[in-house]
Amino acid sequence: MPGPMTEDDHLRAALMTLGLLDPADEADARRQEADDPGFAALAAHWAERFDAADPVEPQAPSAGLWDRISDRVDDAISAPETHTHRRDAGIWEPLGPGIERKVVHTDRAAGTLSYFVRMQGGATLPIHTHEMDEQCILLEGRLRIGDLVFEPGDFQLAHAGGKHVPIHAQTDCLFFIHGAL
């Protein structure tokens, strides 16, 4: 007759039920479940509790999800020494009215970010300073920075410590920036 179940048994059964054990611990827990009726009952108890706590019905993946996953896997296989970020991947986060940013790479060791900025026509980035040199390439649209007008393909380097005058989007714009975190 198995002894009483301990807190460790409860934790192990719960983690096994959720699939959160590493492979070796998972195999041990599954053997214990097969050999110990008390542990098997405990695992069944946790499965019921987790099922009751998650009333959401399973959803089919969104259209194109498997294609996007396949593309990422193909990218990793065909160019393993690179990092590829697809145009439709990532999350746009608001920076201000009519302005969004999508980070595509963070290099904490160097203290830098690489990201895209989208601005709606008429939006303005206010005056700001840079902790380090910042590189910017306009990809789409038309910007005015001070008295300069920028077209797609134009590049600007803002030096560390300098003040960047306001940036006005004359049309909807997309640009790429590499600069400080």
Protein backbone atom coordinates (compact mmCIF):
# COMPACT_ATOMS: atom_id res chain seq x y z
CA MET A 1 0.00 0.00 0.00
CA PRO A 2 1.56 3.34 -1.00
CA GLY A 3 2.18 5.91 1.70
CA PRO A 4 0.48 9.31 1.92
CA MET A 5 1.23 11.76 -0.86
CA THR A 6 3.62 14.58 0.03
CA GLU A 7 3.71 18.17 -1.23
CA ASP A 8 6.54 17.11 -3.55
CA ASP A 9 4.30 14.36 -4.97
CA HIS A 10 1.55 16.91 -5.59
CA LEU A 11 3.97 19.29 -7.29
CA ARG A 12 5.48 16.53 -9.40
CA ALA A 13 2.05 15.22 -10.48
CA ALA A 14 0.87 18.74 -11.32
CA LEU A 15 3.99 19.55 -13.34
CA MET A 16 3.78 16.21 -15.14
CA THR A 17 0.12 16.85 -15.99
CA LEU A 18 1.04 20.27 -17.42
CA GLY A 19 4.00 18.83 -19.36
CA LEU A 20 6.50 21.04 -17.54
CA LEU A 21 9.01 18.43 -16.37
CA ASP A 22 12.30 17.94 -18.18
CA PRO A 23 12.41 14.68 -20.21
CA ALA A 24 14.24 12.59 -17.57
CA ASP A 25 11.91 13.70 -14.75
CA GLU A 26 8.91 13.20 -17.04
CA ALA A 27 9.96 9.61 -17.71
CA ASP A 28 10.44 8.96 -13.97
CA ALA A 29 7.04 10.49 -13.15
CA ARG A 30 5.33 8.42 -15.85
CA ARG A 31 6.93 5.24 -14.41
CA GLN A 32 5.75 6.24 -10.95
CA GLU A 33 2.25 6.84 -12.35
CA ALA A 34 2.23 3.32 -13.88
CA ASP A 35 3.60 1.64 -10.73
CA ASP A 36 1.94 3.62 -7.93
CA PRO A 37 -1.89 3.76 -7.86
CA GLY A 38 -1.77 6.62 -5.34
CA PHE A 39 0.40 8.73 -7.63
CA ALA A 40 -1.77 7.79 -10.63
CA ALA A 41 -4.85 8.97 -8.71
CA LEU A 42 -3.03 12.18 -7.81
CA ALA A 43 -2.11 12.81 -11.45
CA ALA A 44 -5.75 12.19 -12.48
CA HIS A 45 -6.87 14.63 -9.75
CA TRP A 46 -4.57 17.35 -11.11
CA ALA A 47 -5.67 16.68 -14.69
CA GLU A 48 -9.31 17.19 -13.66
CA ARG A 49 -8.50 20.38 -11.74
CA PHE A 50 -6.54 21.85 -14.65
CA ASP A 51 -9.27 20.90 -17.14
CA ALA A 52 -11.89 22.58 -14.93
CA ALA A 53 -9.74 25.70 -14.54
CA ASP A 54 -9.39 26.12 -18.32
CA PRO A 55 -12.91 26.39 -19.75
CA VAL A 56 -11.61 27.71 -23.07
CA GLU A 57 -12.21 25.40 -25.98
CA PRO A 58 -9.14 24.58 -28.08
CA GLN A 59 -8.82 26.85 -31.11
CA ALA A 60 -7.52 25.99 -34.53
CA PRO A 61 -4.35 27.90 -35.42
CA SER A 62 -4.85 31.06 -37.43
CA ALA A 63 -4.62 30.87 -41.20
CA GLY A 64 -1.03 30.91 -42.34
CA LEU A 65 0.45 30.14 -38.90
CA TRP A 66 2.05 26.89 -40.02
CA ASP A 67 3.43 28.62 -43.13
CA ARG A 68 5.03 31.32 -40.93
CA ILE A 69 6.47 28.66 -38.60
CA SER A 70 7.79 26.73 -41.58
CA ASP A 71 9.39 29.90 -43.00
CA ARG A 72 11.16 30.55 -39.67
CA VAL A 73 12.40 26.96 -39.50
CA ASP A 74 13.56 27.12 -43.14
CA ASP A 75 15.37 30.42 -42.39
CA ALA A 76 17.13 28.87 -39.40
CA ILE A 77 18.16 25.80 -41.40
CA SER A 78 19.31 27.65 -44.52
CA ALA A 79 21.14 30.44 -42.65
CA PRO A 80 21.94 29.16 -39.13
CA GLU A 81 24.48 31.92 -38.40
CA THR A 82 21.94 34.69 -39.02
CA HIS A 83 18.82 36.15 -37.42
CA THR A 84 15.92 36.67 -39.81
CA HIS A 85 12.93 38.81 -38.90
CA ARG A 86 10.05 38.67 -41.39
CA ARG A 87 8.12 41.82 -42.24
CA ASP A 88 4.85 40.50 -40.80
CA ALA A 89 6.44 39.15 -37.60
CA GLY A 90 6.72 41.03 -34.33
CA ILE A 91 4.60 43.47 -32.38
CA TRP A 92 4.19 47.19 -33.03
CA GLU A 93 4.22 49.17 -29.77
CA PRO A 94 2.94 52.75 -29.51
CA LEU A 95 5.52 55.51 -28.96
CA GLY A 96 3.18 58.46 -29.26
CA PRO A 97 0.20 59.70 -31.25
CA GLY A 98 0.50 58.21 -34.75
CA ILE A 99 3.92 56.67 -34.00
CA GLU A 100 4.76 52.97 -33.45
CA ARG A 101 7.94 50.95 -33.06
CA LYS A 102 8.75 47.28 -33.73
CA VAL A 103 12.02 46.01 -32.22
CA VAL A 104 13.75 43.39 -34.38
CA HIS A 105 16.99 42.93 -32.44
CA THR A 106 18.31 43.78 -28.97
CA ASP A 107 22.03 43.57 -28.22
CA ARG A 108 22.24 44.02 -24.45
CA ALA A 109 26.02 43.60 -24.41
CA ALA A 110 26.45 46.51 -26.85
CA GLY A 111 23.51 48.45 -25.40
CA THR A 112 21.80 48.76 -28.79
CA LEU A 113 18.44 48.18 -30.46
CA SER A 114 17.54 47.72 -34.09
CA TYR A 115 13.95 48.66 -34.84
CA PHE A 116 11.43 50.00 -37.31
CA VAL A 117 9.34 53.11 -36.72
CA ARG A 118 6.02 53.81 -38.44
CA MET A 119 4.64 57.33 -38.42
CA GLN A 120 1.30 58.45 -39.75
CA GLY A 121 1.34 61.52 -41.97
CA GLY A 122 1.21 64.61 -39.73
CA ALA A 123 2.74 62.87 -36.67
CA THR A 124 5.76 64.42 -34.96
CA LEU A 125 8.58 62.97 -32.87
CA PRO A 126 9.58 65.69 -30.39
CA ILE A 127 13.09 66.99 -29.69
CA HIS A 128 15.23 64.30 -28.06
CA THR A 129 18.88 63.47 -27.37
CA HIS A 130 20.90 60.37 -28.12
CA GLU A 131 23.10 58.50 -25.64
CA MET A 132 25.09 57.05 -28.52
CA ASP A 133 25.30 57.47 -32.29
CA GLU A 134 22.00 56.57 -33.94
CA GLN A 135 21.64 55.50 -37.57
CA CYS A 136 18.37 56.01 -39.42
CA ILE A 137 17.32 55.05 -42.96
CA LEU A 138 13.98 56.17 -44.39
CA LEU A 139 12.35 53.25 -46.21
CA GLU A 140 8.95 54.62 -47.17
CA GLY A 141 7.29 58.04 -47.17
CA ARG A 142 8.58 61.56 -46.71
CA LEU A 143 9.98 63.16 -43.52
CA ARG A 144 11.06 66.65 -42.58
CA ILE A 145 13.79 67.03 -39.97
CA GLY A 146 14.42 70.70 -39.35
CA ASP A 147 14.85 72.22 -42.83
CA LEU A 148 15.84 68.91 -44.45
CA VAL A 149 13.38 66.76 -46.38
CA PHE A 150 14.06 63.02 -46.50
CA GLU A 151 12.96 60.62 -49.24
CA PRO A 152 13.16 56.79 -49.26
CA GLY A 153 16.78 55.64 -49.13
CA ASP A 154 18.05 58.75 -47.31
CA PHE A 155 20.30 58.10 -44.30
CA GLN A 156 21.01 60.19 -41.22
CA LEU A 157 23.52 59.67 -38.42
CA ALA A 158 22.61 61.46 -35.19
CA HIS A 159 25.70 61.80 -33.02
CA ALA A 160 25.79 60.87 -29.35
CA GLY A 161 24.94 63.73 -27.01
CA GLY A 162 23.39 65.86 -29.74
CA LYS A 163 19.83 67.14 -29.75
CA HIS A 164 17.65 65.80 -32.50
CA VAL A 165 15.23 68.44 -33.77
CA PRO A 166 11.58 67.38 -34.20
CA ILE A 167 10.84 64.86 -36.93
CA HIS A 168 7.65 65.54 -38.91
CA ALA A 169 6.05 62.90 -41.10
CA GLN A 170 4.80 64.62 -44.24
CA THR A 171 3.26 61.31 -45.39
CA ASP A 172 2.89 57.89 -43.81
CA CYS A 173 6.50 56.76 -43.18
CA LEU A 174 8.52 53.71 -42.32
CA PHE A 175 12.13 53.95 -41.23
CA PHE A 176 14.80 51.74 -39.69
CA ILE A 177 16.86 52.82 -36.67
CA HIS A 178 19.90 51.34 -34.98
CA GLY A 179 20.78 53.05 -31.70
CA ALA A 180 20.82 52.95 -27.92
CA LEU A 181 18.59 50.69 -25.82
